[in-house]
Amino acid sequence: MVKHIVAFKLTGTDAERREVAEKFKAALLALPEQIDVLRSMEVGINENPAETWDLVLTAVVDTMADVEVYAKHPAHVAAAGLLAGHKGDRACVDYVIE
């Protein structure tokens, strides 16, 4: 199994960033029902005002190839489109769960 972890730093006012993060979270949490290779999805919105990253997601798939299937799936592409105009930085780590 593979864990796909992505953190996002959004742009805009605090209120704009929070609104975008909430919409993005809802779209991401709907993905396991739409993408067969996606075993689970967890999404967290940062609550610590001392930190500057806004949102993190953890997805679990069976193989590294499934990460690409997930990334290219139309439902994921649509969810990612919700970040348009607000996506600042992105960091990603994919690793095998042993």
PDB file of N, CA and C in Angstrom:
ATOM      1  N   MET A   1       0.846  -1.173   0.000  1.00  0.00           N
ATOM      2  CA  MET A   1       0.000   0.000   0.000  1.00  0.00           C
ATOM      3  C   MET A   1       0.893   1.238   0.000  1.00  0.00           C
ATOM      4  N   VAL A   2       0.340   2.312  -0.532  1.00  0.00           N
ATOM      5  CA  VAL A   2       1.075   3.570  -0.652  1.00  0.00           C
ATOM      6  C   VAL A   2       0.282   4.680   0.023  1.00  0.00           C
ATOM      7  N   LYS A   3       0.976   5.484   0.819  1.00  0.00           N
ATOM      8  CA  LYS A   3       0.376   6.702   1.374  1.00  0.00           C
ATOM      9  C   LYS A   3       0.828   7.872   0.519  1.00  0.00           C
ATOM     10  N   HIS A   4      -0.130   8.685   0.137  1.00  0.00           N
ATOM     11  CA  HIS A   4       0.079   9.888  -0.676  1.00  0.00           C
ATOM     12  C   HIS A   4      -0.321  11.055   0.224  1.00  0.00           C
ATOM     13  N   ILE A   5       0.675  11.832   0.647  1.00  0.00           N
ATOM     14  CA  ILE A   5       0.417  12.940   1.564  1.00  0.00           C
ATOM     15  C   ILE A   5       0.765  14.246   0.869  1.00  0.00           C
ATOM     16  N   VAL A   6      -0.188  15.181   0.868  1.00  0.00           N
ATOM     17  CA  VAL A   6       0.007  16.463   0.202  1.00  0.00           C
ATOM     18  C   VAL A   6      -0.414  17.580   1.145  1.00  0.00           C
ATOM     19  N   ALA A   7       0.428  18.606   1.253  1.00  0.00           N
ATOM     20  CA  ALA A   7       0.113  19.788   2.051  1.00  0.00           C
ATOM     21  C   ALA A   7       0.008  20.990   1.127  1.00  0.00           C
ATOM     22  N   PHE A   8      -0.924  21.870   1.431  1.00  0.00           N
ATOM     23  CA  PHE A   8      -1.159  23.052   0.613  1.00  0.00           C
ATOM     24  C   PHE A   8      -1.074  24.317   1.450  1.00  0.00           C
ATOM     25  N   LYS A   9      -0.460  25.325   0.867  1.00  0.00           N
ATOM     26  CA  LYS A   9      -0.468  26.676   1.416  1.00  0.00           C
ATOM     27  C   LYS A   9      -1.260  27.508   0.409  1.00  0.00           C
ATOM     28  N   LEU A  10      -2.376  28.039   0.844  1.00  0.00           N
ATOM     29  CA  LEU A  10      -3.263  28.785  -0.044  1.00  0.00           C
ATOM     30  C   LEU A  10      -2.956  30.278   0.004  1.00  0.00           C
ATOM     31  N   THR A  11      -3.487  30.989  -0.973  1.00  0.00           N
ATOM     32  CA  THR A  11      -3.330  32.438  -1.026  1.00  0.00           C
ATOM     33  C   THR A  11      -4.684  33.098  -0.808  1.00  0.00           C
ATOM     34  N   GLY A  12      -4.664  34.372  -0.427  1.00  0.00           N
ATOM     35  CA  GLY A  12      -5.890  35.126  -0.196  1.00  0.00           C
ATOM     36  C   GLY A  12      -6.006  35.520   1.262  1.00  0.00           C
ATOM     37  N   THR A  13      -7.118  36.131   1.581  1.00  0.00           N
ATOM     38  CA  THR A  13      -7.373  36.519   2.968  1.00  0.00           C
ATOM     39  C   THR A  13      -7.624  35.261   3.801  1.00  0.00           C
ATOM     40  N   ASP A  14      -7.606  35.412   5.107  1.00  0.00           N
ATOM     41  CA  ASP A  14      -7.899  34.275   5.982  1.00  0.00           C
ATOM     42  C   ASP A  14      -9.263  33.670   5.648  1.00  0.00           C
ATOM     43  N   ALA A  15     -10.245  34.523   5.443  1.00  0.00           N
ATOM     44  CA  ALA A  15     -11.603  34.051   5.138  1.00  0.00           C
ATOM     45  C   ALA A  15     -11.653  33.342   3.791  1.00  0.00           C
ATOM     46  N   GLU A  16     -10.978  33.891   2.781  1.00  0.00           N
ATOM     47  CA  GLU A  16     -10.949  33.254   1.465  1.00  0.00           C
ATOM     48  C   GLU A  16     -10.264  31.898   1.522  1.00  0.00           C
ATOM     49  N   ARG A  17      -9.134  31.849   2.224  1.00  0.00           N
ATOM     50  CA  ARG A  17      -8.394  30.589   2.338  1.00  0.00           C
ATOM     51  C   ARG A  17      -9.234  29.542   3.048  1.00  0.00           C
ATOM     52  N   ARG A  18      -9.930  29.929   4.091  1.00  0.00           N
ATOM     53  CA  ARG A  18     -10.769  28.990   4.845  1.00  0.00           C
ATOM     54  C   ARG A  18     -11.923  28.476   3.981  1.00  0.00           C
ATOM     55  N   GLU A  19     -12.543  29.367   3.226  1.00  0.00           N
ATOM     56  CA  GLU A  19     -13.655  28.966   2.356  1.00  0.00           C
ATOM     57  C   GLU A  19     -13.187  27.984   1.289  1.00  0.00           C
ATOM     58  N   VAL A  20     -12.061  28.283   0.656  1.00  0.00           N
ATOM     59  CA  VAL A  20     -11.511  27.390  -0.369  1.00  0.00           C
ATOM     60  C   VAL A  20     -11.138  26.051   0.256  1.00  0.00           C
ATOM     61  N   ALA A  21     -10.506  26.076   1.422  1.00  0.00           N
ATOM     62  CA  ALA A  21     -10.106  24.837   2.096  1.00  0.00           C
ATOM     63  C   ALA A  21     -11.321  23.974   2.431  1.00  0.00           C
ATOM     64  N   GLU A  22     -12.394  24.578   2.904  1.00  0.00           N
ATOM     65  CA  GLU A  22     -13.608  23.824   3.250  1.00  0.00           C
ATOM     66  C   GLU A  22     -14.219  23.168   2.010  1.00  0.00           C
ATOM     67  N   LYS A  23     -14.298  23.906   0.908  1.00  0.00           N
ATOM     68  CA  LYS A  23     -14.846  23.352  -0.339  1.00  0.00           C
ATOM     69  C   LYS A  23     -13.965  22.233  -0.874  1.00  0.00           C
ATOM     70  N   PHE A  24     -12.646  22.446  -0.842  1.00  0.00           N
ATOM     71  CA  PHE A  24     -11.698  21.452  -1.311  1.00  0.00           C
ATOM     72  C   PHE A  24     -11.790  20.186  -0.454  1.00  0.00           C
ATOM     73  N   LYS A  25     -11.877  20.356   0.853  1.00  0.00           N
ATOM     74  CA  LYS A  25     -11.995  19.217   1.756  1.00  0.00           C
ATOM     75  C   LYS A  25     -13.227  18.385   1.423  1.00  0.00           C
ATOM     76  N   ALA A  26     -14.355  19.034   1.246  1.00  0.00           N
ATOM     77  CA  ALA A  26     -15.588  18.318   0.931  1.00  0.00           C
ATOM     78  C   ALA A  26     -15.453  17.541  -0.381  1.00  0.00           C
ATOM     79  N   ALA A  27     -14.850  18.158  -1.379  1.00  0.00           N
ATOM     80  CA  ALA A  27     -14.667  17.490  -2.678  1.00  0.00           C
ATOM     81  C   ALA A  27     -13.724  16.294  -2.541  1.00  0.00           C
ATOM     82  N   LEU A  28     -12.654  16.452  -1.777  1.00  0.00           N
ATOM     83  CA  LEU A  28     -11.702  15.354  -1.594  1.00  0.00           C
ATOM     84  C   LEU A  28     -12.326  14.181  -0.848  1.00  0.00           C
ATOM     85  N   LEU A  29     -13.110  14.472   0.176  1.00  0.00           N
ATOM     86  CA  LEU A  29     -13.707  13.402   0.964  1.00  0.00           C
ATOM     87  C   LEU A  29     -14.745  12.606   0.173  1.00  0.00           C
ATOM     88  N   ALA A  30     -15.241  13.159  -0.924  1.00  0.00           N
ATOM     89  CA  ALA A  30     -16.181  12.445  -1.784  1.00  0.00           C
ATOM     90  C   ALA A  30     -15.475  11.514  -2.771  1.00  0.00           C
ATOM     91  N   LEU A  31     -14.165  11.649  -2.919  1.00  0.00           N
ATOM     92  CA  LEU A  31     -13.440  10.908  -3.949  1.00  0.00           C
ATOM     93  C   LEU A  31     -13.396   9.387  -3.758  1.00  0.00           C
ATOM     94  N   PRO A  32     -13.288   8.851  -2.547  1.00  0.00           N
ATOM     95  CA  PRO A  32     -13.235   7.386  -2.437  1.00  0.00           C
ATOM     96  C   PRO A  32     -14.441   6.673  -3.056  1.00  0.00           C
ATOM     97  N   GLU A  33     -15.589   7.317  -3.089  1.00  0.00           N
ATOM     98  CA  GLU A  33     -16.774   6.726  -3.717  1.00  0.00           C
ATOM     99  C   GLU A  33     -16.728   6.814  -5.235  1.00  0.00           C
ATOM    100  N   GLN A  34     -15.841   7.665  -5.770  1.00  0.00           N
ATOM    101  CA  GLN A  34     -15.784   7.905  -7.203  1.00  0.00           C
ATOM    102  C   GLN A  34     -14.566   7.291  -7.895  1.00  0.00           C
ATOM    103  N   ILE A  35     -13.513   7.017  -7.130  1.00  0.00           N
ATOM    104  CA  ILE A  35     -12.259   6.528  -7.704  1.00  0.00           C
ATOM    105  C   ILE A  35     -11.945   5.170  -7.098  1.00  0.00           C
ATOM    106  N   ASP A  36     -12.036   4.124  -7.931  1.00  0.00           N
ATOM    107  CA  ASP A  36     -11.894   2.751  -7.444  1.00  0.00           C
ATOM    108  C   ASP A  36     -10.570   2.468  -6.741  1.00  0.00           C
ATOM    109  N   VAL A  37      -9.468   3.057  -7.210  1.00  0.00           N
ATOM    110  CA  VAL A  37      -8.152   2.743  -6.635  1.00  0.00           C
ATOM    111  C   VAL A  37      -7.924   3.418  -5.285  1.00  0.00           C
ATOM    112  N   LEU A  38      -8.770   4.351  -4.933  1.00  0.00           N
ATOM    113  CA  LEU A  38      -8.599   5.116  -3.699  1.00  0.00           C
ATOM    114  C   LEU A  38      -9.197   4.347  -2.524  1.00  0.00           C
ATOM    115  N   ARG A  39      -8.332   3.866  -1.627  1.00  0.00           N
ATOM    116  CA  ARG A  39      -8.768   3.071  -0.480  1.00  0.00           C
ATOM    117  C   ARG A  39      -9.311   3.955   0.642  1.00  0.00           C
ATOM    118  N   SER A  40      -8.669   5.093   0.859  1.00  0.00           N
ATOM    119  CA  SER A  40      -9.153   6.012   1.897  1.00  0.00           C
ATOM    120  C   SER A  40      -8.627   7.413   1.621  1.00  0.00           C
ATOM    121  N   MET A  41      -9.292   8.373   2.245  1.00  0.00           N
ATOM    122  CA  MET A  41      -8.912   9.781   2.124  1.00  0.00           C
ATOM    123  C   MET A  41      -9.168  10.446   3.467  1.00  0.00           C
ATOM    124  N   GLU A  42      -8.173  11.145   3.955  1.00  0.00           N
ATOM    125  CA  GLU A  42      -8.307  11.931   5.178  1.00  0.00           C
ATOM    126  C   GLU A  42      -7.843  13.343   4.840  1.00  0.00           C
ATOM    127  N   VAL A  43      -8.586  14.343   5.303  1.00  0.00           N
ATOM    128  CA  VAL A  43      -8.259  15.734   5.004  1.00  0.00           C
ATOM    129  C   VAL A  43      -8.350  16.540   6.290  1.00  0.00           C
ATOM    130  N   GLY A  44      -7.329  17.352   6.536  1.00  0.00           N
ATOM    131  CA  GLY A  44      -7.343  18.208   7.710  1.00  0.00           C
ATOM    132  C   GLY A  44      -7.054  19.650   7.340  1.00  0.00           C
ATOM    133  N   ILE A  45      -7.822  20.551   7.927  1.00  0.00           N
ATOM    134  CA  ILE A  45      -7.600  21.987   7.755  1.00  0.00           C
ATOM    135  C   ILE A  45      -6.887  22.487   9.004  1.00  0.00           C
ATOM    136  N   ASN A  46      -5.810  23.212   8.816  1.00  0.00           N
ATOM    137  CA  ASN A  46      -4.999  23.697   9.921  1.00  0.00           C
ATOM    138  C   ASN A  46      -5.800  24.597  10.852  1.00  0.00           C
ATOM    139  N   GLU A  47      -5.717  24.315  12.138  1.00  0.00           N
ATOM    140  CA  GLU A  47      -6.391  25.128  13.154  1.00  0.00           C
ATOM    141  C   GLU A  47      -5.393  25.950  13.971  1.00  0.00           C
ATOM    142  N   ASN A  48      -4.102  25.779  13.715  1.00  0.00           N
ATOM    143  CA  ASN A  48      -3.064  26.451  14.489  1.00  0.00           C
ATOM    144  C   ASN A  48      -2.660  27.755  13.810  1.00  0.00           C
ATOM    145  N   PRO A  49      -3.027  28.912  14.367  1.00  0.00           N
ATOM    146  CA  PRO A  49      -2.715  30.187  13.726  1.00  0.00           C
ATOM    147  C   PRO A  49      -1.221  30.496  13.664  1.00  0.00           C
ATOM    148  N   ALA A  50      -0.402  29.764  14.408  1.00  0.00           N
ATOM    149  CA  ALA A  50       1.042  29.974  14.370  1.00  0.00           C
ATOM    150  C   ALA A  50       1.687  29.291  13.165  1.00  0.00           C
ATOM    151  N   GLU A  51       0.931  28.449  12.463  1.00  0.00           N
ATOM    152  CA  GLU A  51       1.450  27.735  11.290  1.00  0.00           C
ATOM    153  C   GLU A  51       0.903  28.355  10.009  1.00  0.00           C
ATOM    154  N   THR A  52       1.639  28.183   8.910  1.00  0.00           N
ATOM    155  CA  THR A  52       1.269  28.868   7.664  1.00  0.00           C
ATOM    156  C   THR A  52       0.713  27.950   6.587  1.00  0.00           C
ATOM    157  N   TRP A  53       0.736  26.635   6.786  1.00  0.00           N
ATOM    158  CA  TRP A  53       0.144  25.724   5.810  1.00  0.00           C
ATOM    159  C   TRP A  53      -1.333  25.560   6.150  1.00  0.00           C
ATOM    160  N   ASP A  54      -2.161  25.472   5.112  1.00  0.00           N
ATOM    161  CA  ASP A  54      -3.606  25.510   5.310  1.00  0.00           C
ATOM    162  C   ASP A  54      -4.298  24.157   5.387  1.00  0.00           C
ATOM    163  N   LEU A  55      -3.835  23.189   4.606  1.00  0.00           N
ATOM    164  CA  LEU A  55      -4.585  21.950   4.472  1.00  0.00           C
ATOM    165  C   LEU A  55      -3.631  20.811   4.156  1.00  0.00           C
ATOM    166  N   VAL A  56      -3.966  19.623   4.657  1.00  0.00           N
ATOM    167  CA  VAL A  56      -3.197  18.422   4.328  1.00  0.00           C
ATOM    168  C   VAL A  56      -4.172  17.296   3.997  1.00  0.00           C
ATOM    169  N   LEU A  57      -3.781  16.476   3.021  1.00  0.00           N
ATOM    170  CA  LEU A  57      -4.578  15.300   2.698  1.00  0.00           C
ATOM    171  C   LEU A  57      -3.680  14.076   2.761  1.00  0.00           C
ATOM    172  N   THR A  58      -4.286  12.976   3.180  1.00  0.00           N
ATOM    173  CA  THR A  58      -3.615  11.687   3.173  1.00  0.00           C
ATOM    174  C   THR A  58      -4.526  10.718   2.443  1.00  0.00           C
ATOM    175  N   ALA A  59      -4.033  10.200   1.332  1.00  0.00           N
ATOM    176  CA  ALA A  59      -4.775   9.215   0.549  1.00  0.00           C
ATOM    177  C   ALA A  59      -4.012   7.898   0.597  1.00  0.00           C
ATOM    178  N   VAL A  60      -4.734   6.790   0.571  1.00  0.00           N
ATOM    179  CA  VAL A  60      -4.118   5.476   0.548  1.00  0.00           C
ATOM    180  C   VAL A  60      -4.597   4.741  -0.697  1.00  0.00           C
ATOM    181  N   VAL A  61      -3.619   4.213  -1.452  1.00  0.00           N
ATOM    182  CA  VAL A  61      -3.881   3.402  -2.643  1.00  0.00           C
ATOM    183  C   VAL A  61      -3.018   2.149  -2.552  1.00  0.00           C
ATOM    184  N   ASP A  62      -3.245   1.210  -3.445  1.00  0.00           N
ATOM    185  CA  ASP A  62      -2.497  -0.048  -3.386  1.00  0.00           C
ATOM    186  C   ASP A  62      -1.073   0.058  -3.922  1.00  0.00           C
ATOM    187  N   THR A  63      -0.868   0.809  -5.012  1.00  0.00           N
ATOM    188  CA  THR A  63       0.433   0.840  -5.681  1.00  0.00           C
ATOM    189  C   THR A  63       0.802   2.260  -6.088  1.00  0.00           C
ATOM    190  N   MET A  64       2.077   2.462  -6.400  1.00  0.00           N
ATOM    191  CA  MET A  64       2.510   3.768  -6.906  1.00  0.00           C
ATOM    192  C   MET A  64       1.799   4.094  -8.220  1.00  0.00           C
ATOM    193  N   ALA A  65       1.542   3.096  -9.039  1.00  0.00           N
ATOM    194  CA  ALA A  65       0.811   3.332 -10.289  1.00  0.00           C
ATOM    195  C   ALA A  65      -0.590   3.874 -10.006  1.00  0.00           C
ATOM    196  N   ASP A  66      -1.188   3.445  -8.902  1.00  0.00           N
ATOM    197  CA  ASP A  66      -2.522   3.931  -8.539  1.00  0.00           C
ATOM    198  C   ASP A  66      -2.512   5.408  -8.160  1.00  0.00           C
ATOM    199  N   VAL A  67      -1.373   5.917  -7.685  1.00  0.00           N
ATOM    200  CA  VAL A  67      -1.270   7.350  -7.388  1.00  0.00           C
ATOM    201  C   VAL A  67      -1.523   8.139  -8.666  1.00  0.00           C
ATOM    202  N   GLU A  68      -0.944   7.680  -9.776  1.00  0.00           N
ATOM    203  CA  GLU A  68      -1.138   8.361 -11.056  1.00  0.00           C
ATOM    204  C   GLU A  68      -2.577   8.228 -11.550  1.00  0.00           C
ATOM    205  N   VAL A  69      -3.164   7.050 -11.380  1.00  0.00           N
ATOM    206  CA  VAL A  69      -4.572   6.850 -11.763  1.00  0.00           C
ATOM    207  C   VAL A  69      -5.452   7.833 -10.998  1.00  0.00           C
ATOM    208  N   TYR A  70      -5.236   7.929  -9.708  1.00  0.00           N
ATOM    209  CA  TYR A  70      -5.984   8.859  -8.854  1.00  0.00           C
ATOM    210  C   TYR A  70      -5.778  10.302  -9.310  1.00  0.00           C
ATOM    211  N   ALA A  71      -4.525  10.674  -9.558  1.00  0.00           N
ATOM    212  CA  ALA A  71      -4.205  12.056  -9.926  1.00  0.00           C
ATOM    213  C   ALA A  71      -4.865  12.478 -11.230  1.00  0.00           C
ATOM    214  N   LYS A  72      -5.002  11.541 -12.169  1.00  0.00           N
ATOM    215  CA  LYS A  72      -5.558  11.869 -13.487  1.00  0.00           C
ATOM    216  C   LYS A  72      -7.071  11.666 -13.582  1.00  0.00           C
ATOM    217  N   HIS A  73      -7.667  11.097 -12.554  1.00  0.00           N
ATOM    218  CA  HIS A  73      -9.109  10.828 -12.593  1.00  0.00           C
ATOM    219  C   HIS A  73      -9.875  12.150 -12.691  1.00  0.00           C
ATOM    220  N   PRO A  74     -10.902  12.222 -13.535  1.00  0.00           N
ATOM    221  CA  PRO A  74     -11.663  13.466 -13.710  1.00  0.00           C
ATOM    222  C   PRO A  74     -12.239  14.040 -12.407  1.00  0.00           C
ATOM    223  N   ALA A  75     -12.644  13.193 -11.478  1.00  0.00           N
ATOM    224  CA  ALA A  75     -13.189  13.696 -10.211  1.00  0.00           C
ATOM    225  C   ALA A  75     -12.097  14.384  -9.387  1.00  0.00           C
ATOM    226  N   HIS A  76     -10.877  13.844  -9.423  1.00  0.00           N
ATOM    227  CA  HIS A  76      -9.764  14.482  -8.712  1.00  0.00           C
ATOM    228  C   HIS A  76      -9.372  15.778  -9.394  1.00  0.00           C
ATOM    229  N   VAL A  77      -9.328  15.767 -10.722  1.00  0.00           N
ATOM    230  CA  VAL A  77      -8.988  16.982 -11.474  1.00  0.00           C
ATOM    231  C   VAL A  77     -10.002  18.085 -11.159  1.00  0.00           C
ATOM    232  N   ALA A  78     -11.271  17.729 -11.079  1.00  0.00           N
ATOM    233  CA  ALA A  78     -12.308  18.714 -10.748  1.00  0.00           C
ATOM    234  C   ALA A  78     -12.117  19.255  -9.332  1.00  0.00           C
ATOM    235  N   ALA A  79     -11.802  18.372  -8.385  1.00  0.00           N
ATOM    236  CA  ALA A  79     -11.570  18.821  -7.007  1.00  0.00           C
ATOM    237  C   ALA A  79     -10.383  19.778  -6.957  1.00  0.00           C
ATOM    238  N   ALA A  80      -9.305  19.422  -7.637  1.00  0.00           N
ATOM    239  CA  ALA A  80      -8.113  20.274  -7.659  1.00  0.00           C
ATOM    240  C   ALA A  80      -8.416  21.635  -8.288  1.00  0.00           C
ATOM    241  N   GLY A  81      -9.360  21.675  -9.201  1.00  0.00           N
ATOM    242  CA  GLY A  81      -9.752  22.930  -9.837  1.00  0.00           C
ATOM    243  C   GLY A  81     -10.338  23.928  -8.856  1.00  0.00           C
ATOM    244  N   LEU A  82     -10.813  23.454  -7.711  1.00  0.00           N
ATOM    245  CA  LEU A  82     -11.352  24.358  -6.697  1.00  0.00           C
ATOM    246  C   LEU A  82     -10.279  25.262  -6.098  1.00  0.00           C
ATOM    247  N   LEU A  83      -9.012  24.895  -6.287  1.00  0.00           N
ATOM    248  CA  LEU A  83      -7.908  25.700  -5.764  1.00  0.00           C
ATOM    249  C   LEU A  83      -7.493  26.817  -6.717  1.00  0.00           C
ATOM    250  N   ALA A  84      -8.090  26.859  -7.904  1.00  0.00           N
ATOM    251  CA  ALA A  84      -7.709  27.859  -8.908  1.00  0.00           C
ATOM    252  C   ALA A  84      -7.740  29.263  -8.317  1.00  0.00           C
ATOM    253  N   GLY A  85      -6.633  29.961  -8.507  1.00  0.00           N
ATOM    254  CA  GLY A  85      -6.529  31.322  -8.008  1.00  0.00           C
ATOM    255  C   GLY A  85      -6.125  31.426  -6.547  1.00  0.00           C
ATOM    256  N   HIS A  86      -6.025  30.297  -5.855  1.00  0.00           N
ATOM    257  CA  HIS A  86      -5.684  30.320  -4.431  1.00  0.00           C
ATOM    258  C   HIS A  86      -4.550  29.360  -4.071  1.00  0.00           C
ATOM    259  N   LYS A  87      -4.045  28.617  -5.040  1.00  0.00           N
ATOM    260  CA  LYS A  87      -2.991  27.649  -4.743  1.00  0.00           C
ATOM    261  C   LYS A  87      -1.652  28.354  -4.649  1.00  0.00           C
ATOM    262  N   GLY A  88      -1.069  28.297  -3.473  1.00  0.00           N
ATOM    263  CA  GLY A  88       0.263  28.853  -3.262  1.00  0.00           C
ATOM    264  C   GLY A  88       1.282  27.742  -3.404  1.00  0.00           C
ATOM    265  N   ASP A  89       1.773  27.256  -2.277  1.00  0.00           N
ATOM    266  CA  ASP A  89       2.749  26.173  -2.280  1.00  0.00           C
ATOM    267  C   ASP A  89       2.070  24.823  -2.113  1.00  0.00           C
ATOM    268  N   ARG A  90       2.773  23.792  -2.604  1.00  0.00           N
ATOM    269  CA  ARG A  90       2.307  22.406  -2.486  1.00  0.00           C
ATOM    270  C   ARG A  90       3.520  21.546  -2.166  1.00  0.00           C
ATOM    271  N   ALA A  91       3.376  20.644  -1.221  1.00  0.00           N
ATOM    272  CA  ALA A  91       4.419  19.670  -0.900  1.00  0.00           C
ATOM    273  C   ALA A  91       3.795  18.290  -0.889  1.00  0.00           C
ATOM    274  N   CYS A  92       4.517  17.301  -1.418  1.00  0.00           N
ATOM    275  CA  CYS A  92       3.967  15.956  -1.543  1.00  0.00           C
ATOM    276  C   CYS A  92       5.012  14.912  -1.174  1.00  0.00           C
ATOM    277  N   VAL A  93       4.555  13.860  -0.474  1.00  0.00           N
ATOM    278  CA  VAL A  93       5.386  12.699  -0.194  1.00  0.00           C
ATOM    279  C   VAL A  93       4.528  11.466  -0.461  1.00  0.00           C
ATOM    280  N   ASP A  94       5.077  10.525  -1.240  1.00  0.00           N
ATOM    281  CA  ASP A  94       4.446   9.235  -1.478  1.00  0.00           C
ATOM    282  C   ASP A  94       5.379   8.166  -0.933  1.00  0.00           C
ATOM    283  N   TYR A  95       4.866   7.282  -0.082  1.00  0.00           N
ATOM    284  CA  TYR A  95       5.732   6.228   0.444  1.00  0.00           C
ATOM    285  C   TYR A  95       4.956   4.937   0.621  1.00  0.00           C
ATOM    286  N   VAL A  96       5.705   3.846   0.576  1.00  0.00           N
ATOM    287  CA  VAL A  96       5.126   2.512   0.714  1.00  0.00           C
ATOM    288  C   VAL A  96       4.932   2.202   2.192  1.00  0.00           C
ATOM    289  N   ILE A  97       3.753   1.724   2.533  1.00  0.00           N
ATOM    290  CA  ILE A  97       3.448   1.292   3.891  1.00  0.00           C
ATOM    291  C   ILE A  97       3.894  -0.156   4.000  1.00  0.00           C
ATOM    292  N   GLU A  98       4.740  -0.429   4.941  1.00  0.00           N
ATOM    293  CA  GLU A  98       5.233  -1.807   5.107  1.00  0.00           C
ATOM    294  C   GLU A  98       4.550  -2.506   6.239  1.00  0.00           C
TER     295      GLU A  98
END
